[in-house]
N, C-alpha and C. Protein backbone atom coordinates (compact mmCIF):
# COMPACT_ATOMS: atom_id res chain seq x y z
N MET A 1 23.88 -22.29 -38.50
CA MET A 1 24.07 -23.42 -39.52
C MET A 1 23.06 -24.46 -39.03
N VAL A 2 22.86 -25.11 -37.41
CA VAL A 2 21.85 -25.73 -37.72
C VAL A 2 20.50 -25.52 -37.72
N THR A 3 20.32 -24.36 -37.76
CA THR A 3 18.69 -23.66 -37.89
C THR A 3 18.02 -24.20 -39.14
N HIS A 4 19.48 -23.52 -39.53
CA HIS A 4 19.48 -23.47 -41.59
C HIS A 4 18.67 -25.07 -41.86
N LEU A 5 19.72 -25.72 -41.32
CA LEU A 5 19.25 -27.61 -41.74
C LEU A 5 17.53 -27.68 -40.94
N ARG A 6 17.68 -27.38 -40.13
CA ARG A 6 16.25 -27.65 -39.85
C ARG A 6 15.20 -27.45 -40.26
N GLY A 7 15.33 -26.13 -40.69
CA GLY A 7 14.57 -25.45 -41.72
C GLY A 7 14.18 -25.89 -43.20
N GLU A 8 15.54 -26.68 -43.45
CA GLU A 8 15.65 -27.19 -44.70
C GLU A 8 14.83 -28.73 -44.52
N MET A 9 15.26 -29.34 -42.89
CA MET A 9 14.41 -30.59 -42.91
C MET A 9 13.16 -30.45 -43.03
N LEU A 10 12.44 -29.28 -42.20
CA LEU A 10 10.66 -29.16 -42.31
C LEU A 10 10.57 -28.94 -43.54
N ALA A 11 10.84 -28.13 -44.56
CA ALA A 11 10.49 -28.12 -45.92
C ALA A 11 10.18 -29.64 -46.41
N LEU A 12 11.16 -30.43 -46.58
CA LEU A 12 11.09 -31.77 -46.78
C LEU A 12 10.01 -32.59 -46.18
N LEU A 13 9.50 -32.13 -45.25
CA LEU A 13 8.26 -33.13 -44.68
C LEU A 13 7.42 -33.61 -45.55
N PRO A 14 6.21 -32.86 -46.39
CA PRO A 14 5.60 -33.55 -47.47
C PRO A 14 6.00 -34.56 -48.21
N GLN A 15 7.21 -34.46 -48.69
CA GLN A 15 7.96 -35.40 -49.78
C GLN A 15 8.19 -36.12 -49.09
N LEU A 16 8.61 -35.92 -47.66
CA LEU A 16 9.36 -37.42 -47.03
C LEU A 16 8.41 -38.22 -46.77
N ARG A 17 7.26 -37.86 -46.41
CA ARG A 17 5.85 -38.62 -46.20
C ARG A 17 4.95 -39.22 -46.88
N SER A 18 5.35 -38.50 -48.08
CA SER A 18 4.74 -39.12 -50.07
C SER A 18 6.02 -40.58 -49.67
N PHE A 19 7.00 -40.44 -49.36
CA PHE A 19 7.89 -41.67 -49.91
C PHE A 19 7.71 -42.77 -48.77
N ALA A 20 7.74 -42.11 -47.55
CA ALA A 20 7.51 -43.00 -46.91
C ALA A 20 6.19 -43.87 -46.94
N ARG A 21 5.11 -43.35 -47.42
CA ARG A 21 3.63 -43.67 -47.85
C ARG A 21 3.92 -44.93 -48.89
N PHE A 22 4.59 -44.72 -49.84
CA PHE A 22 4.70 -45.45 -50.62
C PHE A 22 6.06 -46.76 -50.57
N LEU A 23 6.78 -46.39 -49.20
CA LEU A 23 6.83 -47.17 -48.75
C LEU A 23 6.30 -48.80 -47.78
N THR A 24 5.41 -47.99 -46.95
CA THR A 24 4.75 -48.94 -46.09
C THR A 24 3.17 -48.69 -46.36
N GLY A 25 2.45 -48.45 -47.36
CA GLY A 25 1.45 -48.44 -47.98
C GLY A 25 0.06 -48.14 -47.02
N GLN A 26 0.64 -47.49 -45.87
CA GLN A 26 -0.36 -46.85 -44.61
C GLN A 26 -0.16 -45.67 -44.35
N VAL A 27 -1.15 -44.79 -43.86
CA VAL A 27 -0.79 -43.83 -43.47
C VAL A 27 -0.37 -43.52 -42.19
N ALA A 28 -1.10 -44.31 -41.38
CA ALA A 28 -0.39 -44.49 -40.48
C ALA A 28 1.35 -45.19 -39.95
N SER A 29 1.22 -45.99 -40.65
CA SER A 29 2.65 -46.52 -41.04
C SER A 29 3.61 -45.14 -41.15
N ALA A 30 2.93 -44.49 -42.16
CA ALA A 30 4.05 -44.23 -42.79
C ALA A 30 4.33 -42.81 -41.86
N ASP A 31 3.07 -42.22 -41.24
CA ASP A 31 3.26 -40.87 -40.34
C ASP A 31 4.66 -41.61 -39.19
N ASP A 32 4.41 -43.13 -38.68
CA ASP A 32 5.47 -43.36 -37.76
C ASP A 32 6.72 -43.09 -38.55
N LEU A 33 7.10 -43.67 -39.60
CA LEU A 33 7.71 -43.76 -40.21
C LEU A 33 8.18 -42.25 -40.07
N VAL A 34 7.79 -41.37 -40.87
CA VAL A 34 8.78 -40.06 -40.75
C VAL A 34 8.95 -38.96 -39.64
N GLN A 35 8.19 -39.59 -38.61
CA GLN A 35 8.47 -39.68 -36.95
C GLN A 35 10.02 -39.76 -36.77
N GLU A 36 10.17 -40.77 -36.58
CA GLU A 36 11.23 -41.40 -36.87
C GLU A 36 12.34 -40.71 -37.37
N THR A 37 12.33 -40.92 -38.68
CA THR A 37 13.24 -40.44 -39.22
C THR A 37 14.06 -39.43 -38.97
N VAL A 38 12.69 -38.29 -38.96
CA VAL A 38 13.03 -36.89 -38.31
C VAL A 38 14.13 -37.08 -36.66
N LEU A 39 13.20 -37.62 -35.67
CA LEU A 39 13.96 -37.77 -34.77
C LEU A 39 15.66 -38.24 -34.96
N ARG A 40 15.76 -38.85 -35.99
CA ARG A 40 17.48 -40.02 -36.03
C ARG A 40 17.70 -38.75 -36.74
N ALA A 41 17.08 -38.25 -38.06
CA ALA A 41 17.67 -36.96 -38.21
C ALA A 41 18.49 -36.22 -37.22
N LEU A 42 17.51 -35.74 -36.30
CA LEU A 42 17.87 -34.10 -35.73
C LEU A 42 19.00 -34.74 -34.55
N GLY A 43 18.96 -36.41 -34.23
CA GLY A 43 20.19 -36.63 -33.40
C GLY A 43 21.50 -36.80 -34.28
N ALA A 44 21.27 -36.82 -35.55
CA ALA A 44 22.57 -37.03 -36.16
C ALA A 44 23.34 -36.26 -36.94
N LEU A 45 22.58 -34.73 -36.85
CA LEU A 45 22.77 -33.41 -37.94
C LEU A 45 23.91 -33.35 -38.01
N GLU A 46 24.82 -33.04 -36.96
CA GLU A 46 26.32 -33.02 -37.06
C GLU A 46 27.15 -34.45 -38.15
N GLN A 47 26.31 -35.37 -38.42
CA GLN A 47 26.39 -36.24 -39.55
C GLN A 47 26.69 -36.04 -41.02
N PHE A 48 25.49 -34.98 -41.04
CA PHE A 48 24.81 -34.43 -42.29
C PHE A 48 26.15 -33.74 -43.00
N THR A 49 26.59 -33.88 -44.42
CA THR A 49 27.57 -33.30 -44.74
C THR A 49 27.03 -32.21 -45.51
N PRO A 50 27.57 -30.85 -45.26
CA PRO A 50 26.79 -29.75 -45.70
C PRO A 50 27.25 -29.49 -47.20
N GLY A 51 26.33 -29.41 -48.02
CA GLY A 51 26.77 -29.38 -49.67
C GLY A 51 26.25 -30.49 -50.03
N THR A 52 25.49 -31.47 -49.58
CA THR A 52 25.26 -32.25 -49.70
C THR A 52 23.52 -32.29 -50.11
N SER A 53 22.91 -33.65 -50.46
CA SER A 53 21.50 -33.68 -50.72
C SER A 53 20.76 -33.68 -49.28
N MET A 54 20.09 -33.12 -48.48
CA MET A 54 19.41 -33.25 -47.48
C MET A 54 17.80 -34.32 -47.90
N LYS A 55 17.39 -34.13 -49.33
CA LYS A 55 16.98 -35.14 -49.35
C LYS A 55 17.00 -36.41 -49.59
N ALA A 56 18.27 -36.71 -50.10
CA ALA A 56 18.81 -37.95 -50.30
C ALA A 56 18.99 -38.58 -48.83
N TRP A 57 19.69 -37.66 -48.46
CA TRP A 57 19.88 -38.11 -46.58
C TRP A 57 18.89 -38.24 -46.03
N LEU A 58 18.04 -37.66 -46.09
CA LEU A 58 16.93 -38.30 -45.13
C LEU A 58 16.06 -39.00 -45.90
N TYR A 59 15.48 -39.70 -47.11
CA TYR A 59 15.43 -40.44 -47.64
C TYR A 59 16.33 -42.07 -47.15
N THR A 60 17.34 -41.97 -46.93
CA THR A 60 18.35 -42.94 -47.13
C THR A 60 17.84 -43.58 -45.67
N ILE A 61 17.50 -42.22 -44.48
CA ILE A 61 17.60 -42.50 -43.07
C ILE A 61 16.01 -43.35 -43.07
N ALA A 62 15.07 -42.72 -43.76
CA ALA A 62 13.48 -43.34 -43.80
C ALA A 62 13.72 -44.61 -44.53
N ARG A 63 14.61 -45.22 -45.51
CA ARG A 63 14.52 -46.41 -46.13
C ARG A 63 15.08 -47.38 -45.46
N ASN A 64 15.89 -47.01 -44.23
CA ASN A 64 17.22 -47.84 -44.25
C ASN A 64 16.12 -48.15 -43.10
N LEU A 65 15.63 -47.37 -42.08
CA LEU A 65 14.36 -47.63 -40.97
C LEU A 65 13.47 -48.39 -41.21
N PHE A 66 13.07 -48.47 -42.19
CA PHE A 66 11.96 -48.93 -43.01
C PHE A 66 12.22 -50.62 -42.86
N TYR A 67 13.32 -50.67 -43.56
CA TYR A 67 13.88 -52.06 -43.55
C TYR A 67 14.31 -52.84 -42.44
N GLU A 68 14.74 -51.91 -41.65
CA GLU A 68 15.02 -52.35 -40.28
C GLU A 68 13.71 -53.11 -39.86
N GLN A 69 12.64 -52.09 -39.64
CA GLN A 69 11.39 -52.45 -39.17
C GLN A 69 10.33 -53.57 -39.46
N ALA A 70 11.00 -53.60 -40.76
CA ALA A 70 10.52 -54.91 -41.78
C ALA A 70 11.25 -56.14 -41.55
N ARG A 71 12.63 -55.94 -41.58
CA ARG A 71 13.25 -57.38 -40.72
C ARG A 71 12.72 -57.43 -39.38
N HIS A 72 12.51 -56.48 -38.29
CA HIS A 72 12.07 -57.23 -36.58
C HIS A 72 10.80 -57.63 -36.66
N GLY A 73 10.00 -57.21 -37.67
CA GLY A 73 8.64 -57.21 -36.75
C GLY A 73 7.57 -58.03 -38.38
N ARG A 74 8.28 -57.83 -39.49
CA ARG A 74 7.24 -58.45 -40.68
C ARG A 74 8.27 -58.71 -41.41
N ARG A 75 7.60 -59.16 -42.92
CA ARG A 75 8.51 -59.15 -43.90
C ARG A 75 7.75 -58.39 -44.78
N GLU A 76 9.10 -57.68 -45.60
CA GLU A 76 8.87 -56.72 -46.93
C GLU A 76 7.29 -57.01 -47.35
N ARG A 77 7.41 -58.37 -48.07
CA ARG A 77 5.89 -58.25 -48.59
C ARG A 77 4.73 -58.47 -48.21
N ASP A 78 4.46 -58.63 -46.91
CA ASP A 78 3.46 -58.58 -46.15
C ASP A 78 3.52 -57.11 -45.95
N VAL A 79 4.38 -56.03 -45.99
CA VAL A 79 3.78 -54.76 -45.55
C VAL A 79 2.90 -54.05 -46.66
N MET A 80 3.78 -54.61 -47.68
CA MET A 80 3.37 -54.10 -49.06
C MET A 80 2.38 -55.00 -49.99
N SER A 81 1.42 -56.02 -49.44
CA SER A 81 0.84 -57.02 -50.15
C SER A 81 -0.09 -56.51 -50.46
N ASP A 82 -0.72 -56.56 -51.78
CA ASP A 82 -1.89 -56.36 -52.26
C ASP A 82 -2.85 -54.96 -52.09
N TYR A 83 -1.96 -54.21 -52.73
CA TYR A 83 -2.58 -52.84 -52.20
C TYR A 83 -3.26 -52.75 -53.37
N ALA A 84 -3.46 -52.81 -54.11
CA ALA A 84 -4.23 -52.59 -55.38
C ALA A 84 -5.80 -53.01 -54.99
N HIS A 85 -5.90 -53.84 -54.09
CA HIS A 85 -7.16 -54.96 -53.23
C HIS A 85 -7.50 -54.31 -52.17
N ARG A 86 -7.07 -53.44 -51.66
CA ARG A 86 -7.43 -52.98 -50.38
C ARG A 86 -8.69 -52.04 -50.04
N PRO A 87 -9.38 -52.18 -49.10
CA PRO A 87 -10.58 -51.76 -48.83
C PRO A 87 -10.69 -49.73 -49.13
N ASP A 88 -9.85 -49.82 -48.55
CA ASP A 88 -9.31 -48.27 -48.38
C ASP A 88 -9.11 -47.16 -49.57
N GLN A 89 -9.26 -48.01 -50.83
CA GLN A 89 -8.76 -47.38 -51.99
C GLN A 89 -10.26 -46.50 -52.45
N PRO A 90 -9.48 -45.50 -52.90
CA PRO A 90 -10.81 -44.22 -52.92
C PRO A 90 -11.92 -45.18 -54.43
N ASP A 91 -13.26 -45.23 -53.89
CA ASP A 91 -13.99 -45.65 -54.91
C ASP A 91 -14.17 -44.03 -56.31
N SER A 92 -13.70 -44.63 -57.48
CA SER A 92 -14.40 -43.98 -58.17
C SER A 92 -15.08 -44.25 -59.04
N ALA A 93 -16.04 -43.97 -59.35
CA ALA A 93 -17.37 -44.25 -59.69
C ALA A 93 -17.55 -43.87 -61.29
N GLY A 94 -17.10 -45.07 -62.16
CA GLY A 94 -17.17 -44.42 -63.40
C GLY A 94 -16.51 -44.13 -64.61
N THR A 95 -15.72 -43.37 -63.93
CA THR A 95 -15.14 -42.53 -65.11
C THR A 95 -13.78 -43.05 -65.42
N GLU A 96 -13.14 -42.84 -66.99
CA GLU A 96 -12.40 -43.71 -67.84
C GLU A 96 -11.27 -43.12 -66.95
N ARG A 97 -10.47 -41.58 -66.72
CA ARG A 97 -9.15 -41.48 -66.25
C ARG A 97 -9.31 -42.13 -64.55
N ALA A 98 -10.25 -42.45 -64.07
CA ALA A 98 -10.18 -42.58 -62.52
C ALA A 98 -9.83 -44.47 -62.70
N ASP A 99 -10.62 -44.85 -63.98
CA ASP A 99 -10.32 -46.79 -63.66
C ASP A 99 -8.60 -46.89 -64.69
N ASP A 100 -8.39 -45.70 -65.25
CA ASP A 100 -7.02 -45.53 -66.14
C ASP A 100 -5.51 -45.61 -64.59
N LEU A 101 -6.55 -44.35 -63.83
CA LEU A 101 -5.54 -44.58 -62.50
C LEU A 101 -5.23 -45.44 -61.91
N ARG A 102 -6.85 -45.61 -61.30
CA ARG A 102 -6.47 -46.97 -60.88
C ARG A 102 -5.72 -48.32 -60.95
N ASP A 103 -5.70 -48.60 -62.57
CA ASP A 103 -5.12 -49.83 -63.13
C ASP A 103 -3.51 -49.11 -62.86
N LEU A 104 -2.78 -47.74 -63.00
CA LEU A 104 -1.77 -47.62 -63.19
C LEU A 104 -1.25 -47.89 -61.38
N ASP A 105 -2.12 -47.31 -60.71
CA ASP A 105 -1.41 -47.89 -59.28
C ASP A 105 -1.56 -48.87 -58.64
N GLY A 106 -2.14 -49.72 -59.67
CA GLY A 106 -2.38 -51.51 -59.22
C GLY A 106 -1.10 -52.13 -59.92
N ALA A 107 -0.76 -51.25 -60.91
CA ALA A 107 0.36 -51.55 -61.74
C ALA A 107 1.53 -51.49 -61.44
N ILE A 108 1.69 -50.26 -60.76
CA ILE A 108 3.06 -49.90 -59.60
C ILE A 108 3.35 -50.82 -58.48
N TRP A 109 1.96 -51.30 -58.23
CA TRP A 109 2.01 -52.24 -56.79
C TRP A 109 2.27 -53.69 -57.22
N ARG A 110 2.20 -53.84 -58.16
CA ARG A 110 2.59 -55.29 -58.68
C ARG A 110 3.58 -54.99 -58.78
N LEU A 111 4.52 -54.33 -59.12
CA LEU A 111 6.16 -54.14 -58.86
C LEU A 111 7.03 -54.82 -58.08
N SER A 112 7.82 -55.12 -58.24
CA SER A 112 8.53 -55.67 -56.84
C SER A 112 9.23 -54.08 -56.38
N PRO A 113 9.35 -54.41 -54.47
CA PRO A 113 9.54 -53.53 -53.67
C PRO A 113 10.74 -52.89 -54.65
N ARG A 114 11.84 -53.46 -55.19
CA ARG A 114 13.26 -52.97 -55.42
C ARG A 114 12.71 -51.78 -56.48
N LEU A 115 12.18 -52.77 -58.00
CA LEU A 115 11.68 -51.63 -58.90
C LEU A 115 10.73 -50.48 -58.41
N ARG A 116 9.64 -50.76 -57.75
CA ARG A 116 8.75 -49.62 -57.33
C ARG A 116 9.74 -48.37 -56.65
N GLU A 117 10.54 -49.34 -55.68
CA GLU A 117 11.47 -47.57 -54.65
C GLU A 117 11.86 -46.79 -55.86
N ALA A 118 12.82 -47.88 -56.79
CA ALA A 118 13.79 -46.90 -57.74
C ALA A 118 12.79 -45.71 -58.96
N LEU A 119 11.53 -46.11 -59.15
CA LEU A 119 10.49 -45.74 -59.70
C LEU A 119 9.94 -44.69 -59.23
N VAL A 120 9.16 -44.57 -57.92
CA VAL A 120 8.97 -43.38 -56.74
C VAL A 120 10.08 -42.63 -57.01
N LEU A 121 11.38 -43.25 -56.60
CA LEU A 121 12.17 -42.26 -56.23
C LEU A 121 12.72 -40.97 -57.50
N VAL A 122 12.62 -41.50 -58.84
CA VAL A 122 13.10 -40.38 -59.57
C VAL A 122 11.92 -40.39 -60.76
N GLY A 123 10.86 -40.95 -60.40
CA GLY A 123 9.47 -40.78 -61.52
C GLY A 123 8.92 -39.68 -60.38
N VAL A 124 8.84 -40.31 -59.15
CA VAL A 124 7.64 -39.24 -58.10
C VAL A 124 7.94 -37.96 -57.75
N GLN A 125 9.28 -38.87 -56.73
CA GLN A 125 10.02 -37.73 -56.04
C GLN A 125 10.82 -37.21 -56.24
N GLU A 126 11.06 -37.26 -57.91
CA GLU A 126 11.77 -36.30 -58.50
C GLU A 126 13.57 -36.34 -58.06
N MET A 127 14.02 -37.46 -57.63
CA MET A 127 15.46 -37.40 -57.52
C MET A 127 16.65 -37.55 -58.73
N THR A 128 17.47 -37.66 -58.65
CA THR A 128 18.09 -37.30 -59.64
C THR A 128 18.68 -38.94 -59.55
N TYR A 129 18.95 -39.55 -60.42
CA TYR A 129 19.37 -40.90 -60.36
C TYR A 129 20.57 -41.20 -59.25
N ALA A 130 21.41 -40.15 -59.72
CA ALA A 130 22.64 -39.89 -58.86
C ALA A 130 22.09 -40.31 -57.17
N GLU A 131 20.70 -39.36 -56.32
CA GLU A 131 20.28 -39.26 -55.43
C GLU A 131 19.67 -40.46 -55.41
N ALA A 132 18.80 -41.29 -56.06
CA ALA A 132 18.23 -41.87 -55.97
C ALA A 132 19.23 -43.79 -55.67
N ALA A 133 20.29 -43.65 -56.23
CA ALA A 133 21.29 -44.97 -55.92
C ALA A 133 22.06 -44.35 -54.73
N ARG A 134 22.04 -43.61 -53.82
CA ARG A 134 23.23 -43.17 -52.77
C ARG A 134 21.72 -43.58 -51.69
N VAL A 135 20.42 -43.28 -52.17
CA VAL A 135 19.37 -43.73 -50.91
C VAL A 135 19.36 -44.92 -50.81
N CYS A 136 19.40 -45.80 -52.10
CA CYS A 136 19.17 -47.17 -51.91
C CYS A 136 20.49 -47.91 -52.00
N GLY A 137 21.61 -47.09 -51.75
CA GLY A 137 23.07 -48.12 -51.29
C GLY A 137 23.37 -48.83 -52.87
N VAL A 138 23.48 -48.01 -54.27
CA VAL A 138 23.41 -48.95 -55.07
C VAL A 138 24.11 -47.68 -56.12
N THR A 139 24.61 -48.36 -57.47
CA THR A 139 25.03 -47.54 -58.56
C THR A 139 24.19 -46.93 -59.21
N VAL A 140 24.81 -46.22 -60.13
CA VAL A 140 23.59 -44.66 -60.62
C VAL A 140 23.07 -46.26 -62.05
N GLY A 141 23.86 -46.93 -62.45
CA GLY A 141 23.44 -47.79 -63.53
C GLY A 141 22.28 -48.69 -62.87
N THR A 142 22.43 -49.52 -61.77
CA THR A 142 21.62 -50.06 -61.24
C THR A 142 20.51 -49.39 -61.11
N ILE A 143 20.10 -48.26 -60.78
CA ILE A 143 18.81 -47.75 -60.29
C ILE A 143 18.31 -47.35 -62.01
N LYS A 144 19.12 -46.85 -63.00
CA LYS A 144 18.56 -46.55 -64.35
C LYS A 144 18.10 -48.11 -64.76
N ALA A 145 18.43 -49.26 -64.48
CA ALA A 145 18.47 -50.62 -64.79
C ALA A 145 16.76 -50.54 -64.25
N ARG A 146 16.88 -50.44 -63.08
CA ARG A 146 15.41 -50.90 -62.45
C ARG A 146 14.22 -49.91 -62.69
N VAL A 147 14.73 -48.29 -62.94
CA VAL A 147 13.55 -47.58 -63.43
C VAL A 147 13.09 -48.11 -64.75
N SER A 148 13.98 -48.09 -65.84
CA SER A 148 13.76 -49.19 -66.84
C SER A 148 13.06 -50.16 -66.97
N ARG A 149 13.30 -51.21 -66.40
CA ARG A 149 12.76 -52.62 -65.93
C ARG A 149 11.02 -51.85 -65.37
N ALA A 150 10.94 -51.29 -64.30
CA ALA A 150 9.62 -50.68 -64.01
C ALA A 150 9.03 -50.11 -64.86
N ARG A 151 9.45 -49.07 -65.80
CA ARG A 151 8.49 -48.48 -66.62
C ARG A 151 8.11 -49.46 -67.88
N ALA A 152 8.93 -50.75 -67.96
CA ALA A 152 8.99 -51.72 -69.03
C ALA A 152 7.79 -52.49 -68.26
N GLN A 153 7.72 -52.78 -67.37
CA GLN A 153 6.92 -53.62 -66.60
C GLN A 153 5.27 -52.60 -66.64
N ILE A 154 5.10 -51.68 -66.16
CA ILE A 154 4.25 -51.05 -66.20
C ILE A 154 3.29 -51.47 -67.37
N MET A 155 3.94 -51.06 -68.36
CA MET A 155 3.63 -50.76 -69.64
C MET A 155 3.21 -51.97 -69.76
N GLU A 156 3.72 -53.10 -69.91
CA GLU A 156 3.34 -54.50 -70.10
C GLU A 156 1.72 -54.80 -69.35
N TYR A 157 1.93 -54.78 -68.29
CA TYR A 157 0.73 -54.37 -66.81
C TYR A 157 -0.64 -53.90 -67.70
N MET A 158 0.02 -52.67 -67.97
CA MET A 158 -1.46 -51.84 -68.55
C MET A 158 -2.22 -52.34 -69.64
N ASP A 159 -1.00 -52.88 -70.37
CA ASP A 159 -1.61 -53.37 -72.47
C ASP A 159 -2.08 -54.80 -71.76
N THR A 160 -1.73 -55.47 -70.75
CA THR A 160 -2.16 -56.65 -70.31
C THR A 160 -3.77 -56.52 -70.03
N GLY A 161 -3.80 -55.50 -69.10
CA GLY A 161 -4.86 -54.84 -68.37
C GLY A 161 -6.06 -54.27 -69.38
N SER A 162 -5.93 -54.02 -70.61
CA SER A 162 -6.09 -52.85 -71.45
C SER A 162 -6.98 -54.20 -72.50
N ASP A 163 -5.78 -55.01 -73.05
CA ASP A 163 -6.41 -56.14 -73.89
C ASP A 163 -7.54 -56.87 -73.03
N HIS A 164 -7.09 -56.92 -71.93
CA HIS A 164 -8.34 -57.90 -70.98
C HIS A 164 -9.69 -57.51 -70.50
N SER A 165 -9.86 -55.77 -70.92
CA SER A 165 -10.74 -55.05 -70.98
C SER A 165 -11.55 -54.78 -71.84
N ARG A 166 -10.65 -55.33 -73.17
CA ARG A 166 -11.30 -55.37 -74.44
C ARG A 166 -11.57 -56.37 -74.35
N HIS A 167 -10.91 -57.74 -74.18
CA HIS A 167 -12.16 -59.09 -74.90
C HIS A 167 -13.16 -59.36 -73.87
N GLU A 168 -13.65 -58.80 -72.57
CA GLU A 168 -14.51 -58.80 -71.89
C GLU A 168 -16.17 -57.86 -72.40
N GLY A 169 -15.09 -56.91 -73.32
CA GLY A 169 -16.55 -56.14 -73.78
C GLY A 169 -17.10 -56.82 -75.26
N GLU A 170 -16.42 -57.80 -75.42
CA GLU A 170 -16.91 -58.32 -76.95
C GLU A 170 -17.69 -59.41 -76.81
């Protein structure tokens, strides 16, 4: 049983790392968060309820660790500040698709942390609303509302950015 759970955990590491990257905004911090998450999960493996989602369980541990670390060392907005303007963003010379992706990335990072988290869990990590709600410790209705608001805000940001670009060219 324990070997099976460890194998399941191992298979989820790439997705967990991706989620940690969204939380921290930094590769090294994400790797540290994943490592700490796995250590805590292995130490608490007997607390995992068979038949439930291992992915949701690991994401909950990672999320709780992230916020715990943020409370102890720095504020959440400092951890995730101004991602779209960081110098380590890839340079995408000239292609319209790359510009659109950069605009979308910037729009996602303009969302509040709660809206971004809900959107990432449901839209990127492909969790169900119920799994995402468990991870965030809220109701399914709250997750649905957050995802809906996040999508609406992204559309607004993208439309505003497109309008701004069009007016610059006139």
